Amino acid sequence: MLTVACDNMDRLICVEMRRKGLPVGFKSVLYDCARAMSDRPLVQAAAELLNVSPAKVGIVTGAAVPDHMPVGENDGPFGAVVLGEALTRIGHAVSIFTDGSCATPIQHLVDRRELDIEVVSLPFNDRNEQERIANAQDILVAIERLGGNANGSLHGINGTCRDAFRCNVDHLFRTHAGLGRRSVAIGDGGNELGFGNIQERLVADVPELAQLEKTGSTSGIFSTVETDVLVVANTSNVGAYGVAAALSVLREDLSLCHTPEEETALHHVGVGLGLADGATGRRIAVCDGVPAAANAAVVLLLRNIAERALAPPLVREF
């Protein structure tokens, strides 16, 4: 039942709800490539990796753009806090690592839920600090965090370079992997950490999304950084919610699931904290162009899938 439920969760979180002006029609390609590399549904693989004895888990998130999204977008922080809460509930010691410009709203989100989660500002491209973090964390989780392409550069979904202001954490993840430790990445565009698992196939299958000429890279916008598990979703937040839902089925604990009421609240709280919709750069109750109500509906369905999976067998008497 776990695999059936997680397969349905995978499909649900990949329902594309993009508006015109953003890349449309690519989500199924990203998912199919990632799923072909996994022997089980993606959210199940992530949940099973995280379902271990109490460990130190570092979540890396945050995506700010000066003059447009100065304290970051809301995709990533919501998922980091929701999944982080679920992980603390099963005994993990969780820290969230982000750029200094993104730290304050994430800290407010953590405090609002009264969570014992440390929010840490990453010094800009400090490789020594990244090595220290890699040594300190048993598991790393990236949520909506850009990874470097074949040139080592970070690019937005439209091919714009982010190197001047976004901390590059490729060294953190590669150092961590070199220590024999495991990682999960959750992304929605191919340019995030973890898509190194499938970047060669993506370049071949969706060259128009890769934008090779604009980026000057053989992998285009696609990240070359690999992780043990890659979860693909319509938005990275929804991907994190899917992992939490899978974890709830795996541990037979529905309380680990996110709720639609909290999802709606997060969108409105995020506006007050300055978090922006990544599609428009506006401070509105929308995530990557998807309104709060639609995201809450997805959360409701994730919770329903988990609930049905955990319910006792139905005895049909007719």
C-alpha atoms as a PDB file:
ATOM      1  CA  MET A   1       0.000   0.000   0.000  1.00  0.00           C
ATOM      2  CA  LEU A   2       2.938   2.350   0.696  1.00  0.00           C
ATOM      3  CA  THR A   3       4.177   2.202  -2.885  1.00  0.00           C
ATOM      4  CA  VAL A   4       0.687   2.634  -4.348  1.00  0.00           C
ATOM      5  CA  ALA A   5       0.049   5.666  -2.138  1.00  0.00           C
ATOM      6  CA  CYS A   6       3.439   7.194  -2.937  1.00  0.00           C
ATOM      7  CA  ASP A   7       2.994   6.631  -6.656  1.00  0.00           C
ATOM      8  CA  ASN A   8      -0.262   8.601  -6.459  1.00  0.00           C
ATOM      9  CA  MET A   9       1.474  11.334  -4.444  1.00  0.00           C
ATOM     10  CA  ASP A  10       4.219  11.541  -7.090  1.00  0.00           C
ATOM     11  CA  ARG A  11       1.616  12.031  -9.806  1.00  0.00           C
ATOM     12  CA  LEU A  12      -0.342  14.580  -7.796  1.00  0.00           C
ATOM     13  CA  ILE A  13       2.601  16.830  -6.949  1.00  0.00           C
ATOM     14  CA  CYS A  14       3.652  16.873 -10.617  1.00  0.00           C
ATOM     15  CA  VAL A  15       0.336  18.177 -11.952  1.00  0.00           C
ATOM     16  CA  GLU A  16       1.570  21.259 -13.796  1.00  0.00           C
ATOM     17  CA  MET A  17      -0.175  24.550 -13.063  1.00  0.00           C
ATOM     18  CA  ARG A  18       2.061  27.025 -14.881  1.00  0.00           C
ATOM     19  CA  ARG A  19       0.821  30.259 -16.382  1.00  0.00           C
ATOM     20  CA  LYS A  20       1.798  31.674 -19.765  1.00  0.00           C
ATOM     21  CA  GLY A  21       5.200  33.335 -19.731  1.00  0.00           C
ATOM     22  CA  LEU A  22       6.802  30.518 -17.723  1.00  0.00           C
ATOM     23  CA  PRO A  23       8.171  27.262 -19.168  1.00  0.00           C
ATOM     24  CA  VAL A  24       5.139  25.054 -19.764  1.00  0.00           C
ATOM     25  CA  GLY A  25       4.857  21.374 -20.674  1.00  0.00           C
ATOM     26  CA  PHE A  26       8.195  20.216 -19.270  1.00  0.00           C
ATOM     27  CA  LYS A  27       7.191  18.880 -15.853  1.00  0.00           C
ATOM     28  CA  SER A  28       6.292  15.425 -17.127  1.00  0.00           C
ATOM     29  CA  VAL A  29       9.660  15.156 -18.879  1.00  0.00           C
ATOM     30  CA  LEU A  30      11.538  16.090 -15.698  1.00  0.00           C
ATOM     31  CA  TYR A  31       9.500  13.608 -13.683  1.00  0.00           C
ATOM     32  CA  ASP A  32       9.777  10.755 -16.173  1.00  0.00           C
ATOM     33  CA  CYS A  33      13.553  11.142 -16.336  1.00  0.00           C
ATOM     34  CA  ALA A  34      13.875  11.145 -12.543  1.00  0.00           C
ATOM     35  CA  ARG A  35      11.440   8.258 -12.094  1.00  0.00           C
ATOM     36  CA  ALA A  36      13.348   6.161 -14.635  1.00  0.00           C
ATOM     37  CA  MET A  37      16.392   6.418 -12.359  1.00  0.00           C
ATOM     38  CA  SER A  38      14.496   5.211  -9.276  1.00  0.00           C
ATOM     39  CA  ASP A  39      13.180   1.761  -8.386  1.00  0.00           C
ATOM     40  CA  ARG A  40      10.317   3.284  -6.389  1.00  0.00           C
ATOM     41  CA  PRO A  41       8.175   6.444  -6.323  1.00  0.00           C
ATOM     42  CA  LEU A  42      10.310   9.511  -5.691  1.00  0.00           C
ATOM     43  CA  VAL A  43       8.566  10.647  -2.494  1.00  0.00           C
ATOM     44  CA  GLN A  44       8.858   7.114  -1.133  1.00  0.00           C
ATOM     45  CA  ALA A  45      12.597   7.028  -1.831  1.00  0.00           C
ATOM     46  CA  ALA A  46      13.027  10.367  -0.059  1.00  0.00           C
ATOM     47  CA  ALA A  47      10.888   9.360   2.924  1.00  0.00           C
ATOM     48  CA  GLU A  48      12.758   6.088   3.329  1.00  0.00           C
ATOM     49  CA  LEU A  49      16.107   7.869   3.252  1.00  0.00           C
ATOM     50  CA  LEU A  50      14.885  10.235   5.981  1.00  0.00           C
ATOM     51  CA  ASN A  51      13.234   7.515   8.076  1.00  0.00           C
ATOM     52  CA  VAL A  52      16.335   6.639  10.082  1.00  0.00           C
ATOM     53  CA  SER A  53      17.464   6.846  13.689  1.00  0.00           C
ATOM     54  CA  PRO A  54      17.728  10.412  15.010  1.00  0.00           C
ATOM     55  CA  ALA A  55      20.289  12.287  12.956  1.00  0.00           C
ATOM     56  CA  LYS A  56      21.475  15.785  12.126  1.00  0.00           C
ATOM     57  CA  VAL A  57      19.596  16.970   9.041  1.00  0.00           C
ATOM     58  CA  GLY A  58      20.544  20.146   7.209  1.00  0.00           C
ATOM     59  CA  ILE A  59      17.927  21.693   4.923  1.00  0.00           C
ATOM     60  CA  VAL A  60      19.271  24.153   2.352  1.00  0.00           C
ATOM     61  CA  THR A  61      16.838  26.599   0.757  1.00  0.00           C
ATOM     62  CA  GLY A  62      16.299  30.236  -0.195  1.00  0.00           C
ATOM     63  CA  ALA A  63      16.194  32.126  -3.488  1.00  0.00           C
ATOM     64  CA  ALA A  64      16.536  35.906  -3.330  1.00  0.00           C
ATOM     65  CA  VAL A  65      16.992  38.276  -6.272  1.00  0.00           C
ATOM     66  CA  PRO A  66      18.012  41.863  -5.401  1.00  0.00           C
ATOM     67  CA  ASP A  67      15.494  44.520  -6.484  1.00  0.00           C
ATOM     68  CA  HIS A  68      12.914  41.821  -7.290  1.00  0.00           C
ATOM     69  CA  MET A  69      12.731  39.350  -4.396  1.00  0.00           C
ATOM     70  CA  PRO A  70      15.085  40.918  -1.823  1.00  0.00           C
ATOM     71  CA  VAL A  71      14.286  38.459   0.991  1.00  0.00           C
ATOM     72  CA  GLY A  72      13.510  35.564  -1.321  1.00  0.00           C
ATOM     73  CA  GLU A  73      10.611  33.741  -2.897  1.00  0.00           C
ATOM     74  CA  ASN A  74       8.105  31.711  -0.920  1.00  0.00           C
ATOM     75  CA  ASP A  75       8.872  28.485  -2.809  1.00  0.00           C
ATOM     76  CA  GLY A  76      11.420  26.698  -0.645  1.00  0.00           C
ATOM     77  CA  PRO A  77      10.959  28.338   2.772  1.00  0.00           C
ATOM     78  CA  PHE A  78       7.409  26.991   3.252  1.00  0.00           C
ATOM     79  CA  GLY A  79       8.498  23.491   2.298  1.00  0.00           C
ATOM     80  CA  ALA A  80      11.627  23.701   4.463  1.00  0.00           C
ATOM     81  CA  VAL A  81       9.618  24.586   7.559  1.00  0.00           C
ATOM     82  CA  VAL A  82       6.857  22.022   6.939  1.00  0.00           C
ATOM     83  CA  LEU A  83       9.266  19.165   6.228  1.00  0.00           C
ATOM     84  CA  GLY A  84      11.584  20.388   8.972  1.00  0.00           C
ATOM     85  CA  GLU A  85       8.748  20.181  11.492  1.00  0.00           C
ATOM     86  CA  ALA A  86       7.917  16.630  10.427  1.00  0.00           C
ATOM     87  CA  LEU A  87      11.578  15.630  10.768  1.00  0.00           C
ATOM     88  CA  THR A  88      11.868  17.100  14.260  1.00  0.00           C
ATOM     89  CA  ARG A  89       8.744  15.160  15.237  1.00  0.00           C
ATOM     90  CA  ILE A  90      10.511  11.885  14.394  1.00  0.00           C
ATOM     91  CA  GLY A  91      13.572  12.837  16.408  1.00  0.00           C
ATOM     92  CA  HIS A  92      15.948  14.508  13.967  1.00  0.00           C
ATOM     93  CA  ALA A  93      17.967  17.613  14.874  1.00  0.00           C
ATOM     94  CA  VAL A  94      17.166  19.988  12.010  1.00  0.00           C
ATOM     95  CA  SER A  95      18.981  23.105  10.838  1.00  0.00           C
ATOM     96  CA  ILE A  96      18.011  25.311   7.892  1.00  0.00           C
ATOM     97  CA  PHE A  97      20.843  26.893   5.893  1.00  0.00           C
ATOM     98  CA  THR A  98      20.160  29.859   3.650  1.00  0.00           C
ATOM     99  CA  ASP A  99      21.558  33.117   2.300  1.00  0.00           C
ATOM    100  CA  GLY A 100      21.744  35.959   4.801  1.00  0.00           C
ATOM    101  CA  SER A 101      19.122  37.943   2.901  1.00  0.00           C
ATOM    102  CA  CYS A 102      16.617  35.087   3.277  1.00  0.00           C
ATOM    103  CA  ALA A 103      17.267  34.207   6.921  1.00  0.00           C
ATOM    104  CA  THR A 104      14.907  36.627   8.693  1.00  0.00           C
ATOM    105  CA  PRO A 105      11.592  35.498   7.136  1.00  0.00           C
ATOM    106  CA  ILE A 106      12.559  31.842   7.530  1.00  0.00           C
ATOM    107  CA  GLN A 107      13.382  32.467  11.191  1.00  0.00           C
ATOM    108  CA  HIS A 108       9.942  34.045  11.642  1.00  0.00           C
ATOM    109  CA  LEU A 109       8.294  31.001  10.049  1.00  0.00           C
ATOM    110  CA  VAL A 110      10.215  28.710  12.398  1.00  0.00           C
ATOM    111  CA  ASP A 111       9.335  30.823  15.440  1.00  0.00           C
ATOM    112  CA  ARG A 112       5.677  30.948  14.437  1.00  0.00           C
ATOM    113  CA  ARG A 113       5.517  27.152  14.720  1.00  0.00           C
ATOM    114  CA  GLU A 114       7.654  27.196  17.910  1.00  0.00           C
ATOM    115  CA  LEU A 115      10.106  24.768  16.354  1.00  0.00           C
ATOM    116  CA  ASP A 116      13.499  23.804  17.706  1.00  0.00           C
ATOM    117  CA  ILE A 117      15.207  24.459  14.375  1.00  0.00           C
ATOM    118  CA  GLU A 118      18.297  26.623  13.959  1.00  0.00           C
ATOM    119  CA  VAL A 119      18.332  28.971  10.967  1.00  0.00           C
ATOM    120  CA  VAL A 120      21.904  29.554   9.772  1.00  0.00           C
ATOM    121  CA  SER A 121      23.075  32.251   7.339  1.00  0.00           C
ATOM    122  CA  LEU A 122      25.596  30.964   4.810  1.00  0.00           C
ATOM    123  CA  PRO A 123      28.708  33.108   4.297  1.00  0.00           C
ATOM    124  CA  PHE A 124      28.913  33.887   0.598  1.00  0.00           C
ATOM    125  CA  ASN A 125      30.785  31.103  -1.237  1.00  0.00           C
ATOM    126  CA  ASP A 126      32.860  30.218   1.831  1.00  0.00           C
ATOM    127  CA  ARG A 127      34.194  26.768   0.971  1.00  0.00           C
ATOM    128  CA  ASN A 128      35.744  26.212   4.401  1.00  0.00           C
ATOM    129  CA  GLU A 129      32.397  26.846   6.079  1.00  0.00           C
ATOM    130  CA  GLN A 130      30.687  24.512   3.624  1.00  0.00           C
ATOM    131  CA  GLU A 131      33.172  21.801   4.508  1.00  0.00           C
ATOM    132  CA  ARG A 132      32.447  22.346   8.196  1.00  0.00           C
ATOM    133  CA  ILE A 133      28.699  22.040   7.581  1.00  0.00           C
ATOM    134  CA  ALA A 134      29.209  18.917   5.444  1.00  0.00           C
ATOM    135  CA  ASN A 135      31.109  17.271   8.269  1.00  0.00           C
ATOM    136  CA  ALA A 136      28.489  18.259  10.845  1.00  0.00           C
ATOM    137  CA  GLN A 137      25.357  17.068   9.003  1.00  0.00           C
ATOM    138  CA  ASP A 138      24.392  13.424   8.595  1.00  0.00           C
ATOM    139  CA  ILE A 139      21.818  14.128   5.876  1.00  0.00           C
ATOM    140  CA  LEU A 140      21.362  17.101   3.545  1.00  0.00           C
ATOM    141  CA  VAL A 141      18.066  18.140   1.961  1.00  0.00           C
ATOM    142  CA  ALA A 142      17.912  20.792  -0.768  1.00  0.00           C
ATOM    143  CA  ILE A 143      14.555  22.454  -1.411  1.00  0.00           C
ATOM    144  CA  GLU A 144      14.384  24.888  -4.342  1.00  0.00           C
ATOM    145  CA  ARG A 145      18.112  25.511  -4.194  1.00  0.00           C
ATOM    146  CA  LEU A 146      20.034  26.224  -7.382  1.00  0.00           C
ATOM    147  CA  GLY A 147      22.931  23.977  -8.340  1.00  0.00           C
ATOM    148  CA  GLY A 148      25.789  24.850 -10.654  1.00  0.00           C
ATOM    149  CA  ASN A 149      25.768  23.862 -14.323  1.00  0.00           C
ATOM    150  CA  ALA A 150      28.715  22.361 -16.204  1.00  0.00           C
ATOM    151  CA  ASN A 151      30.497  25.724 -15.858  1.00  0.00           C
ATOM    152  CA  GLY A 152      29.745  25.846 -12.132  1.00  0.00           C
ATOM    153  CA  SER A 153      27.328  28.763 -12.584  1.00  0.00           C
ATOM    154  CA  LEU A 154      23.837  29.220 -11.145  1.00  0.00           C
ATOM    155  CA  HIS A 155      21.042  30.163 -13.538  1.00  0.00           C
ATOM    156  CA  GLY A 156      17.377  31.012 -13.136  1.00  0.00           C
ATOM    157  CA  ILE A 157      14.716  29.280 -15.175  1.00  0.00           C
ATOM    158  CA  ASN A 158      14.972  31.959 -17.902  1.00  0.00           C
ATOM    159  CA  GLY A 159      18.740  31.513 -18.164  1.00  0.00           C
ATOM    160  CA  THR A 160      19.718  34.588 -16.123  1.00  0.00           C
ATOM    161  CA  CYS A 161      22.904  34.093 -14.105  1.00  0.00           C
ATOM    162  CA  ARG A 162      22.590  34.299 -10.293  1.00  0.00           C
ATOM    163  CA  ASP A 163      26.287  33.988  -9.409  1.00  0.00           C
ATOM    164  CA  ALA A 164      26.743  37.565  -8.190  1.00  0.00           C
ATOM    165  CA  PHE A 165      24.394  37.273  -5.210  1.00  0.00           C
ATOM    166  CA  ARG A 166      23.376  33.632  -4.616  1.00  0.00           C
ATOM    167  CA  CYS A 167      25.671  31.475  -2.497  1.00  0.00           C
ATOM    168  CA  ASN A 168      26.807  28.465  -4.525  1.00  0.00           C
ATOM    169  CA  VAL A 169      26.532  25.353  -2.318  1.00  0.00           C
ATOM    170  CA  ASP A 170      27.782  22.806  -4.847  1.00  0.00           C
ATOM    171  CA  HIS A 171      30.911  22.313  -2.736  1.00  0.00           C
ATOM    172  CA  LEU A 172      28.796  21.594   0.331  1.00  0.00           C
ATOM    173  CA  PHE A 173      26.854  18.801  -1.354  1.00  0.00           C
ATOM    174  CA  ARG A 174      29.845  17.297  -3.126  1.00  0.00           C
ATOM    175  CA  THR A 175      31.943  17.339   0.062  1.00  0.00           C
ATOM    176  CA  HIS A 176      29.079  15.745   1.977  1.00  0.00           C
ATOM    177  CA  ALA A 177      28.729  13.019  -0.685  1.00  0.00           C
ATOM    178  CA  GLY A 178      32.476  12.434  -0.568  1.00  0.00           C
ATOM    179  CA  LEU A 179      32.103  11.601   3.120  1.00  0.00           C
ATOM    180  CA  GLY A 180      29.725   8.805   2.182  1.00  0.00           C
ATOM    181  CA  ARG A 181      26.675  10.645   3.499  1.00  0.00           C
ATOM    182  CA  ARG A 182      23.263  10.796   1.880  1.00  0.00           C
ATOM    183  CA  SER A 183      21.150  13.592   0.446  1.00  0.00           C
ATOM    184  CA  VAL A 184      17.742  14.463  -0.985  1.00  0.00           C
ATOM    185  CA  ALA A 185      16.960  17.242  -3.455  1.00  0.00           C
ATOM    186  CA  ILE A 186      13.527  18.643  -4.254  1.00  0.00           C
ATOM    187  CA  GLY A 187      13.156  20.843  -7.325  1.00  0.00           C
ATOM    188  CA  ASP A 188      10.815  21.929 -10.085  1.00  0.00           C
ATOM    189  CA  GLY A 189      12.858  23.338 -12.972  1.00  0.00           C
ATOM    190  CA  GLY A 190      15.969  21.272 -13.612  1.00  0.00           C
ATOM    191  CA  ASN A 191      18.304  24.042 -12.458  1.00  0.00           C
ATOM    192  CA  GLU A 192      18.258  22.973  -8.836  1.00  0.00           C
ATOM    193  CA  LEU A 193      20.595  20.711  -6.902  1.00  0.00           C
ATOM    194  CA  GLY A 194      19.967  17.032  -7.613  1.00  0.00           C
ATOM    195  CA  PHE A 195      19.178  17.379 -11.299  1.00  0.00           C
ATOM    196  CA  GLY A 196      22.752  16.350 -12.006  1.00  0.00           C
ATOM    197  CA  ASN A 197      21.291  12.826 -11.724  1.00  0.00           C
ATOM    198  CA  ILE A 198      19.534  13.334 -15.067  1.00  0.00           C
ATOM    199  CA  GLN A 199      21.054  16.451 -16.679  1.00  0.00           C
ATOM    200  CA  GLU A 200      22.512  14.687 -19.713  1.00  0.00           C
ATOM    201  CA  ARG A 201      19.138  13.255 -20.636  1.00  0.00           C
ATOM    202  CA  LEU A 202      17.424  16.611 -20.010  1.00  0.00           C
ATOM    203  CA  VAL A 203      19.816  18.398 -22.376  1.00  0.00           C
ATOM    204  CA  ALA A 204      18.939  15.856 -25.045  1.00  0.00           C
ATOM    205  CA  ASP A 205      15.191  15.761 -24.389  1.00  0.00           C
ATOM    206  CA  VAL A 206      14.387  19.430 -23.688  1.00  0.00           C
ATOM    207  CA  PRO A 207      17.129  21.595 -25.258  1.00  0.00           C
ATOM    208  CA  GLU A 208      14.755  24.576 -25.394  1.00  0.00           C
ATOM    209  CA  LEU A 209      14.593  24.554 -21.575  1.00  0.00           C
ATOM    210  CA  ALA A 210      18.372  24.052 -21.298  1.00  0.00           C
ATOM    211  CA  GLN A 211      19.165  27.313 -23.150  1.00  0.00           C
ATOM    212  CA  LEU A 212      22.717  26.261 -24.048  1.00  0.00           C
ATOM    213  CA  GLU A 213      23.587  29.367 -26.047  1.00  0.00           C
ATOM    214  CA  LYS A 214      22.336  31.851 -23.455  1.00  0.00           C
ATOM    215  CA  THR A 215      24.193  30.158 -20.598  1.00  0.00           C
ATOM    216  CA  GLY A 216      27.325  29.236 -22.559  1.00  0.00           C
ATOM    217  CA  SER A 217      27.301  25.852 -20.861  1.00  0.00           C
ATOM    218  CA  THR A 218      27.069  22.304 -22.195  1.00  0.00           C
ATOM    219  CA  SER A 219      24.403  21.603 -19.568  1.00  0.00           C
ATOM    220  CA  GLY A 220      22.600  24.928 -19.992  1.00  0.00           C
ATOM    221  CA  ILE A 221      20.628  25.872 -16.895  1.00  0.00           C
ATOM    222  CA  PHE A 222      20.595  22.270 -15.697  1.00  0.00           C
ATOM    223  CA  SER A 223      22.524  21.515 -12.536  1.00  0.00           C
ATOM    224  CA  THR A 224      25.287  18.909 -12.635  1.00  0.00           C
ATOM    225  CA  VAL A 225      25.194  18.317  -8.865  1.00  0.00           C
ATOM    226  CA  GLU A 226      23.924  14.854  -7.960  1.00  0.00           C
ATOM    227  CA  THR A 227      22.061  13.699  -4.854  1.00  0.00           C
ATOM    228  CA  ASP A 228      20.983  10.248  -3.703  1.00  0.00           C
ATOM    229  CA  VAL A 229      17.300  11.045  -4.254  1.00  0.00           C
ATOM    230  CA  LEU A 230      15.712  13.623  -6.546  1.00  0.00           C
ATOM    231  CA  VAL A 231      12.049  14.595  -6.079  1.00  0.00           C
ATOM    232  CA  VAL A 232      10.383  16.502  -8.937  1.00  0.00           C
ATOM    233  CA  ALA A 233       7.225  18.545  -8.358  1.00  0.00           C
ATOM    234  CA  ASN A 234       5.135  21.390  -9.751  1.00  0.00           C
ATOM    235  CA  THR A 235       6.669  23.580  -7.039  1.00  0.00           C
ATOM    236  CA  SER A 236       9.402  22.611  -4.612  1.00  0.00           C
ATOM    237  CA  ASN A 237       7.123  23.364  -1.660  1.00  0.00           C
ATOM    238  CA  VAL A 238       4.591  20.840  -2.902  1.00  0.00           C
ATOM    239  CA  GLY A 239       7.429  18.351  -3.365  1.00  0.00           C
ATOM    240  CA  ALA A 240       8.398  18.779   0.295  1.00  0.00           C
ATOM    241  CA  TYR A 241       4.769  18.298   1.326  1.00  0.00           C
ATOM    242  CA  GLY A 242       4.714  15.087  -0.698  1.00  0.00           C
ATOM    243  CA  VAL A 243       7.761  13.770   1.141  1.00  0.00           C
ATOM    244  CA  ALA A 244       6.139  14.604   4.497  1.00  0.00           C
ATOM    245  CA  ALA A 245       2.963  12.792   3.392  1.00  0.00           C
ATOM    246  CA  ALA A 246       4.973   9.744   2.312  1.00  0.00           C
ATOM    247  CA  LEU A 247       6.760   9.796   5.665  1.00  0.00           C
ATOM    248  CA  SER A 248       3.378   9.836   7.420  1.00  0.00           C
ATOM    249  CA  VAL A 249       2.344   6.643   5.617  1.00  0.00           C
ATOM    250  CA  LEU A 250       5.711   4.992   6.193  1.00  0.00           C
ATOM    251  CA  ARG A 251       5.540   5.715   9.922  1.00  0.00           C
ATOM    252  CA  GLU A 252       1.763   5.305  10.176  1.00  0.00           C
ATOM    253  CA  ASP A 253       1.432   8.772  11.679  1.00  0.00           C
ATOM    254  CA  LEU A 254      -0.966  11.116   9.894  1.00  0.00           C
ATOM    255  CA  SER A 255       0.107  14.014  12.104  1.00  0.00           C
ATOM    256  CA  LEU A 256       3.284  14.292  10.008  1.00  0.00           C
ATOM    257  CA  CYS A 257       1.150  15.463   7.065  1.00  0.00           C
ATOM    258  CA  HIS A 258       0.797  19.125   6.206  1.00  0.00           C
ATOM    259  CA  THR A 259      -2.723  20.620   6.372  1.00  0.00           C
ATOM    260  CA  PRO A 260      -4.597  22.806   3.876  1.00  0.00           C
ATOM    261  CA  GLU A 261      -5.403  25.320   6.618  1.00  0.00           C
ATOM    262  CA  GLU A 262      -1.731  25.778   7.440  1.00  0.00           C
ATOM    263  CA  GLU A 263      -0.826  26.008   3.757  1.00  0.00           C
ATOM    264  CA  THR A 264      -3.293  28.859   3.280  1.00  0.00           C
ATOM    265  CA  ALA A 265      -1.989  30.583   6.395  1.00  0.00           C
ATOM    266  CA  LEU A 266       1.632  30.260   5.238  1.00  0.00           C
ATOM    267  CA  HIS A 267       0.874  32.081   1.995  1.00  0.00           C
ATOM    268  CA  HIS A 268      -0.612  35.064   3.821  1.00  0.00           C
ATOM    269  CA  VAL A 269       2.007  35.111   6.574  1.00  0.00           C
ATOM    270  CA  GLY A 270       4.664  34.970   3.879  1.00  0.00           C
ATOM    271  CA  VAL A 271       3.299  38.122   2.265  1.00  0.00           C
ATOM    272  CA  GLY A 272       3.732  39.946   5.559  1.00  0.00           C
ATOM    273  CA  LEU A 273       7.307  38.712   5.809  1.00  0.00           C
ATOM    274  CA  GLY A 274       8.167  39.972   2.336  1.00  0.00           C
ATOM    275  CA  LEU A 275       8.346  36.577   0.638  1.00  0.00           C
ATOM    276  CA  ALA A 276       7.445  36.834  -3.030  1.00  0.00           C
ATOM    277  CA  ASP A 277       5.746  34.765  -5.673  1.00  0.00           C
ATOM    278  CA  GLY A 278       8.637  33.427  -7.747  1.00  0.00           C
ATOM    279  CA  ALA A 279       6.693  33.792 -10.982  1.00  0.00           C
ATOM    280  CA  THR A 280       5.953  37.520 -10.729  1.00  0.00           C
ATOM    281  CA  GLY A 281       8.254  38.789  -7.978  1.00  0.00           C
ATOM    282  CA  ARG A 282       5.182  40.278  -6.300  1.00  0.00           C
ATOM    283  CA  ARG A 283       4.324  39.893  -2.620  1.00  0.00           C
ATOM    284  CA  ILE A 284       1.060  38.038  -3.077  1.00  0.00           C
ATOM    285  CA  ALA A 285      -0.484  34.825  -1.710  1.00  0.00           C
ATOM    286  CA  VAL A 286       0.688  32.851  -4.748  1.00  0.00           C
ATOM    287  CA  CYS A 287       3.589  30.417  -5.184  1.00  0.00           C
ATOM    288  CA  ASP A 288       5.219  30.128  -8.618  1.00  0.00           C
ATOM    289  CA  GLY A 289       2.026  31.446 -10.156  1.00  0.00           C
ATOM    290  CA  VAL A 290      -0.231  29.000  -8.259  1.00  0.00           C
ATOM    291  CA  PRO A 291      -2.765  30.630  -5.871  1.00  0.00           C
ATOM    292  CA  ALA A 292      -2.871  29.670  -2.204  1.00  0.00           C
ATOM    293  CA  ALA A 293      -6.246  27.935  -2.586  1.00  0.00           C
ATOM    294  CA  ALA A 294      -4.917  25.639  -5.317  1.00  0.00           C
ATOM    295  CA  ASN A 295      -1.851  24.712  -3.275  1.00  0.00           C
ATOM    296  CA  ALA A 296      -4.064  24.047  -0.255  1.00  0.00           C
ATOM    297  CA  ALA A 297      -6.201  21.770  -2.436  1.00  0.00           C
ATOM    298  CA  VAL A 298      -3.110  19.748  -3.371  1.00  0.00           C
ATOM    299  CA  VAL A 299      -2.224  19.474   0.319  1.00  0.00           C
ATOM    300  CA  LEU A 300      -5.753  18.263   1.073  1.00  0.00           C
ATOM    301  CA  LEU A 301      -5.445  15.560  -1.586  1.00  0.00           C
ATOM    302  CA  LEU A 302      -2.007  14.483  -0.320  1.00  0.00           C
ATOM    303  CA  ARG A 303      -3.462  14.155   3.138  1.00  0.00           C
ATOM    304  CA  ASN A 304      -6.411  12.180   1.786  1.00  0.00           C
ATOM    305  CA  ILE A 305      -4.112   9.741  -0.007  1.00  0.00           C
ATOM    306  CA  ALA A 306      -2.189   9.210   3.244  1.00  0.00           C
ATOM    307  CA  GLU A 307      -5.401   8.886   5.238  1.00  0.00           C
ATOM    308  CA  ARG A 308      -6.831   6.254   2.877  1.00  0.00           C
ATOM    309  CA  ALA A 309      -3.556   4.324   2.946  1.00  0.00           C
ATOM    310  CA  LEU A 310      -3.595   4.230   6.753  1.00  0.00           C
ATOM    311  CA  ALA A 311      -7.289   3.409   7.119  1.00  0.00           C
ATOM    312  CA  PRO A 312      -8.305  -0.155   8.088  1.00  0.00           C
ATOM    313  CA  PRO A 313      -9.453  -2.400   5.253  1.00  0.00           C
ATOM    314  CA  LEU A 314     -12.933  -1.702   4.019  1.00  0.00           C
ATOM    315  CA  VAL A 315     -15.281  -4.666   4.218  1.00  0.00           C
ATOM    316  CA  ARG A 316     -17.817  -4.289   1.456  1.00  0.00           C
ATOM    317  CA  GLU A 317     -20.875  -6.378   2.211  1.00  0.00           C
ATOM    318  CA  PHE A 318     -22.639  -6.233  -1.138  1.00  0.00           C
END
